[in-house]
Protein backbone atom coordinates (compact mmCIF):
# COMPACT_ATOMS: atom_id res chain seq x y z
CA MET A 1 -0.24 0.32 0.05
CA TRP A 2 1.19 3.88 -0.73
CA HIS A 3 0.01 7.41 -1.11
CA PHE A 4 1.47 10.21 -2.88
CA GLN A 5 0.79 13.69 -3.02
CA VAL A 6 1.16 15.68 -5.35
CA THR A 7 0.75 18.97 -3.80
CA PRO A 8 1.38 19.27 0.15
CA GLY A 9 -1.50 20.21 1.86
CA ASP A 10 -3.64 21.02 -1.12
CA ASN A 11 -2.66 24.31 -0.87
CA TRP A 12 -4.22 27.16 -3.47
CA ASP A 13 -7.29 24.26 -3.27
CA TYR A 14 -5.26 21.82 -5.32
CA ASP A 15 -6.38 18.69 -4.83
CA ALA A 16 -6.19 15.95 -6.73
CA THR A 17 -9.40 14.16 -7.42
CA GLN A 18 -8.42 14.50 -11.33
CA PRO A 19 -9.37 11.16 -13.14
CA LEU A 20 -6.50 8.37 -12.51
CA MET A 21 -5.33 6.39 -15.61
CA LEU A 22 -3.13 3.17 -15.73
CA ALA A 23 -0.97 2.33 -18.79
CA ASP A 24 2.03 -0.09 -19.25
CA LEU A 25 4.60 1.61 -20.63
CA GLN A 26 8.15 1.41 -22.33
CA ILE A 27 10.11 3.48 -19.81
CA GLY A 28 14.44 2.93 -20.24
CA GLY A 29 14.13 -0.30 -22.00
CA SER A 30 11.45 -1.77 -19.71
CA THR A 31 8.03 -1.76 -19.36
CA ARG A 32 6.28 -0.44 -16.69
CA LYS A 33 2.98 -0.47 -14.78
CA VAL A 34 2.38 2.72 -14.63
CA ILE A 35 -0.56 5.52 -13.09
CA MET A 36 -1.10 9.43 -14.84
CA GLN A 37 -2.60 11.89 -13.88
CA ALA A 38 -2.91 15.35 -15.35
CA SER A 39 -3.66 17.42 -12.39
CA LYS A 40 -5.10 20.35 -11.48
CA ASN A 41 -1.94 22.16 -10.08
CA GLY A 42 -1.15 22.31 -13.94
CA PHE A 43 1.31 18.86 -13.64
CA PHE A 44 1.84 15.76 -15.80
CA TYR A 45 2.50 13.07 -13.21
CA LEU A 46 4.22 9.50 -13.62
CA LEU A 47 3.74 6.68 -11.28
CA ASP A 48 4.74 3.04 -10.49
CA ARG A 49 1.20 1.84 -9.74
CA GLN A 50 2.83 -1.30 -7.83
CA SER A 51 5.03 0.79 -5.90
CA GLY A 52 4.17 4.01 -6.20
CA GLN A 53 7.53 5.41 -6.31
CA PHE A 54 7.87 9.15 -8.44
CA ILE A 55 8.67 8.40 -12.01
CA SER A 56 8.56 12.04 -13.14
CA ALA A 57 6.57 15.37 -13.79
CA LYS A 58 5.96 18.73 -16.33
CA ALA A 59 3.60 20.72 -16.82
CA PHE A 60 1.65 20.58 -18.71
CA ILE A 61 0.17 23.92 -19.93
CA LYS A 62 1.67 27.08 -19.55
CA GLY A 63 2.15 29.70 -17.28
CA VAL A 64 1.70 27.56 -14.21
CA THR A 65 2.84 30.21 -11.02
CA TRP A 66 2.84 28.59 -7.91
CA ALA A 67 5.77 26.34 -8.87
CA ASN A 68 8.85 26.35 -11.24
CA GLY A 69 8.46 22.61 -11.23
CA ILE A 70 8.85 19.21 -9.39
CA ASP A 71 12.44 17.65 -8.48
CA SER A 72 13.20 14.75 -10.07
CA GLN A 73 14.28 12.36 -7.22
CA THR A 74 11.31 13.41 -4.73
CA GLY A 75 8.72 14.45 -6.92
CA ARG A 76 7.32 17.43 -4.67
CA PRO A 77 7.43 20.51 -6.29
CA GLU A 78 9.74 23.35 -5.88
CA GLU A 79 7.32 26.08 -4.77
CA SER A 80 7.70 29.36 -6.13
CA ALA A 81 8.26 32.56 -3.93
CA SER A 82 5.71 34.74 -5.93
CA ALA A 83 2.39 31.58 -4.56
CA HIS A 84 3.74 32.74 -1.30
CA ASN A 85 3.94 36.45 0.87
CA ASN A 86 2.84 35.59 4.37
CA LEU A 87 -0.80 36.63 4.93
CA GLU A 88 -0.44 39.20 2.19
CA ALA A 89 -2.49 39.17 -1.28
CA VAL A 90 -1.06 37.18 -4.17
CA LEU A 91 -1.89 35.76 -7.69
CA VAL A 92 -1.60 32.12 -8.37
CA SER A 93 -1.95 30.05 -11.80
CA PRO A 94 -3.90 27.53 -12.13
CA ASP A 95 -6.58 29.05 -10.75
CA PRO A 96 -8.64 26.62 -8.05
CA GLY A 97 -11.01 25.40 -11.37
CA GLY A 98 -7.57 24.27 -12.49
CA ALA A 99 -5.48 22.81 -15.72
CA HIS A 100 -7.63 19.65 -15.74
CA ASN A 101 -10.72 19.42 -14.03
CA TRP A 102 -13.00 16.20 -13.65
CA TYR A 103 -13.85 15.54 -16.91
CA PRO A 104 -11.87 12.62 -19.07
CA MET A 105 -9.07 12.20 -20.86
CA ALA A 106 -8.08 9.59 -22.96
CA PHE A 107 -4.73 7.30 -24.32
CA ASN A 108 -4.22 5.62 -27.37
CA PRO A 109 -1.69 2.56 -26.81
CA THR A 110 -0.98 3.10 -30.54
CA THR A 111 0.22 6.44 -31.02
CA GLY A 112 1.53 6.00 -26.76
CA LEU A 113 -0.30 9.95 -26.26
CA VAL A 114 -2.83 10.91 -23.70
CA TYR A 115 -5.19 13.34 -24.77
CA VAL A 116 -6.15 15.96 -22.11
CA PRO A 117 -8.88 18.89 -22.24
CA ALA A 118 -6.64 21.47 -20.36
CA ARG A 119 -7.38 24.40 -19.49
CA GLU A 120 -5.10 27.57 -19.82
CA GLY A 121 -4.31 31.16 -17.88
CA GLY A 122 -6.41 30.33 -14.89
CA VAL A 123 -5.69 32.99 -12.50
CA TYR A 124 -6.83 33.25 -8.42
CA MET A 125 -6.32 35.90 -5.85
CA HIS A 126 -5.85 33.89 -2.23
CA ALA A 127 -6.56 36.93 -0.14
CA VAL A 128 -6.18 36.09 3.29
CA ASP A 129 -8.39 37.11 6.12
CA LYS A 130 -6.00 38.36 8.78
CA ASN A 131 -8.70 38.29 11.50
CA TRP A 132 -10.20 34.50 10.86
CA LYS A 133 -11.19 32.16 13.03
CA SER A 134 -12.25 28.74 12.12
CA ASN A 135 -16.33 28.05 12.40
CA PRO A 136 -17.37 24.92 11.71
CA THR A 137 -20.98 26.27 10.24
CA THR A 138 -19.08 27.53 7.38
CA ALA A 139 -16.59 26.66 4.74
CA ASN A 140 -13.68 28.37 6.82
CA ARG A 141 -11.61 29.14 3.54
CA GLY A 142 -10.54 32.01 5.58
CA GLU A 143 -10.43 34.54 2.29
CA ASP A 144 -11.01 38.26 2.49
CA PRO A 145 -13.67 39.23 0.76
CA ARG A 146 -13.38 42.55 1.16
CA TYR A 147 -9.84 43.09 -0.23
CA ALA A 148 -9.17 45.66 -2.52
CA GLY A 149 -5.54 46.30 -2.78
CA PRO A 150 -3.20 45.90 -5.80
CA MET A 151 -3.41 41.93 -6.03
CA LEU A 152 -7.29 43.73 -7.32
CA ALA A 153 -6.57 45.32 -9.52
CA LYS A 154 -4.29 43.08 -11.34
CA LEU A 155 -6.72 40.01 -11.44
CA MET A 156 -8.93 42.63 -13.05
CA SER A 157 -6.59 42.87 -15.51
CA ALA A 158 -5.70 39.65 -16.55
CA PRO A 159 -6.72 37.78 -19.64
CA ALA A 160 -9.85 35.31 -19.48
CA ALA A 161 -8.40 31.51 -19.12
CA SER A 162 -8.89 29.36 -22.58
CA GLY A 163 -9.05 26.15 -23.52
CA HIS A 164 -7.14 23.19 -25.73
CA LEU A 165 -6.66 19.73 -26.19
CA VAL A 166 -3.03 18.59 -25.72
CA ALA A 167 -1.67 15.09 -26.62
CA TRP A 168 0.77 14.02 -24.17
CA ASN A 169 3.31 12.14 -24.65
CA PRO A 170 3.81 10.78 -21.27
CA VAL A 171 6.87 9.36 -21.73
CA GLU A 172 8.80 12.03 -22.92
CA GLN A 173 6.83 14.45 -20.92
CA ARG A 174 6.34 17.16 -23.70
CA GLU A 175 3.32 17.92 -25.83
CA ARG A 176 3.12 16.20 -29.07
CA TYR A 177 0.62 18.47 -30.61
CA HIS A 178 -2.33 20.71 -29.21
CA VAL A 179 -5.80 21.37 -30.81
CA LEU A 180 -7.63 24.80 -30.18
CA PRO A 181 -11.68 25.12 -29.95
CA PRO A 182 -13.82 25.77 -32.74
CA ALA A 183 -13.85 29.22 -33.48
CA GLY A 184 -16.68 30.63 -31.39
CA GLY A 185 -15.94 28.37 -28.65
CA HIS A 186 -15.66 29.86 -24.81
CA ARG A 187 -14.71 25.70 -23.74
CA MET A 188 -12.61 22.90 -24.60
CA SER A 189 -15.17 20.13 -25.91
CA ALA A 190 -14.26 17.90 -23.17
CA ALA A 191 -15.77 14.55 -24.27
CA ALA A 192 -16.24 14.99 -28.05
CA ASP A 193 -12.90 16.72 -29.16
CA LEU A 194 -11.59 14.65 -26.72
CA PHE A 195 -13.35 11.38 -28.75
CA LYS A 196 -12.39 12.56 -31.54
CA ALA A 197 -8.79 13.44 -31.60
CA ALA A 198 -8.06 10.25 -29.70
CA ALA A 199 -10.09 8.24 -31.72
CA ALA A 200 -9.52 9.56 -35.19
CA PRO A 201 -6.02 7.44 -36.51
CA PHE A 202 -8.39 4.04 -35.38
CA ARG A 203 -11.55 5.47 -37.15
CA GLY A 204 -10.85 8.13 -40.06
CA GLU A 205 -13.47 10.45 -40.15
CA PHE A 206 -16.47 11.18 -38.43
CA GLY A 207 -19.94 10.09 -40.26
CA GLY A 208 -21.99 13.17 -38.46
CA ASP A 209 -21.25 16.93 -37.60
CA CYS A 210 -19.55 17.10 -33.72
CA ARG A 211 -18.45 20.54 -33.13
CA ASP A 212 -20.79 22.03 -30.63
CA ASN A 213 -19.94 25.47 -29.54
CA VAL A 214 -21.43 25.02 -26.13
CA GLY A 215 -18.30 22.96 -24.47
CA GLU A 216 -19.35 19.50 -23.71
CA ARG A 217 -18.13 18.50 -20.14
CA GLY A 218 -20.06 15.02 -19.54
CA ASN A 219 -18.01 11.34 -20.87
CA PHE A 220 -19.87 9.74 -23.39
CA ILE A 221 -20.80 6.80 -24.63
CA GLU A 222 -19.82 3.47 -26.54
CA ARG A 223 -21.91 1.76 -28.70
CA GLU A 224 -21.41 -0.92 -31.82
CA SER A 225 -23.30 -2.30 -33.88
CA ARG A 226 -22.64 -4.77 -37.07
CA ALA A 227 -21.38 -1.93 -39.32
CA ASP A 228 -21.24 1.20 -37.24
CA THR A 229 -20.21 2.89 -33.82
CA PHE A 230 -21.92 5.35 -32.49
CA ALA A 231 -21.32 7.69 -29.07
CA ALA A 232 -23.08 9.37 -27.01
CA VAL A 233 -21.88 12.73 -25.31
CA CYS A 234 -24.16 14.67 -22.68
CA ARG A 235 -23.52 18.50 -23.54
CA GLN A 236 -23.67 20.99 -20.52
CA ASN A 237 -25.84 23.91 -21.74
CA GLY A 238 -27.86 23.99 -18.91
CA LEU A 239 -29.94 21.32 -20.25
CA LEU A 240 -29.09 17.53 -20.28
CA LYS A 241 -28.87 16.90 -23.49
CA THR A 242 -27.94 14.00 -25.68
CA GLN A 243 -25.95 14.07 -28.97
CA THR A 244 -24.97 11.03 -30.97
CA PHE A 245 -22.45 10.68 -33.19
CA ARG A 246 -22.54 7.79 -36.06
CA LEU A 247 -18.48 6.51 -36.47
CA VAL A 248 -17.28 5.97 -40.24
CA GLN A 249 -15.12 2.36 -38.73
CA PRO A 250 -15.08 0.70 -35.75
CA CYS A 251 -13.12 0.96 -32.64
CA ALA A 252 -10.35 -1.02 -32.56
CA GLY A 253 -8.38 0.65 -29.06
CA LEU A 254 -9.18 3.37 -27.85
CA ARG A 255 -9.08 3.89 -23.84
CA HIS A 256 -10.90 5.89 -22.12
CA GLY A 257 -9.92 6.32 -18.45
CA THR A 258 -8.86 2.88 -17.00
CA HIS A 259 -11.60 1.25 -19.67
CA ARG A 260 -10.60 -0.24 -22.87
CA ALA A 261 -13.27 -0.06 -25.47
CA GLY A 262 -13.50 -2.39 -28.31
């Protein structure tokens, strides 16, 4: 039995509840049974799932400010001096929404790439309530909602966060490429676009148009018949709807989370 904490104390609200993915990867000339996570804190972690040994971690988005990197031996973050200022307000990126959150990612064992719906540029102001006292009837965040100092102006002038799909090489810990959302889209469609990119090497093209600027954030469900493969995606647009896409070719090895379809 083992455990590994990516962000000591879950500071800056960087909990590690994002999806965990299992794979067998060739690392250093041998097959390693690994567990992977694109964590909320902006780093992609690779661990030995049998022993819990830290293998590697690198930032999978740009603009991470809370840490300068991850120690290659211990796996502990090298926290940035700008992420702490005693009890004074600081700006930190990613924000509590994270560089990646609960939405799923996919692994293609043929390309060796992990496809991550990523969020980049989120900034959050951590302003401490200097008179804070624990109150069991509240959330006890310890933040000062009345703060109006210089960090507030910097926060208000910061550009909005943006989403994109990252094709990540977990062995080399580097981005192979990324895909921006369709024109006019405000968020990465974390299910349909991910599904399209990860499945493309096997399936060729979609039989239907899957572009949807709403920004799906639900899991997809796959079903195969003799001739076609179908994928249904729950959309998050104020109403619960299901959108179904007919795929040209049958599934042949897409991994979604720890589940293998096909």
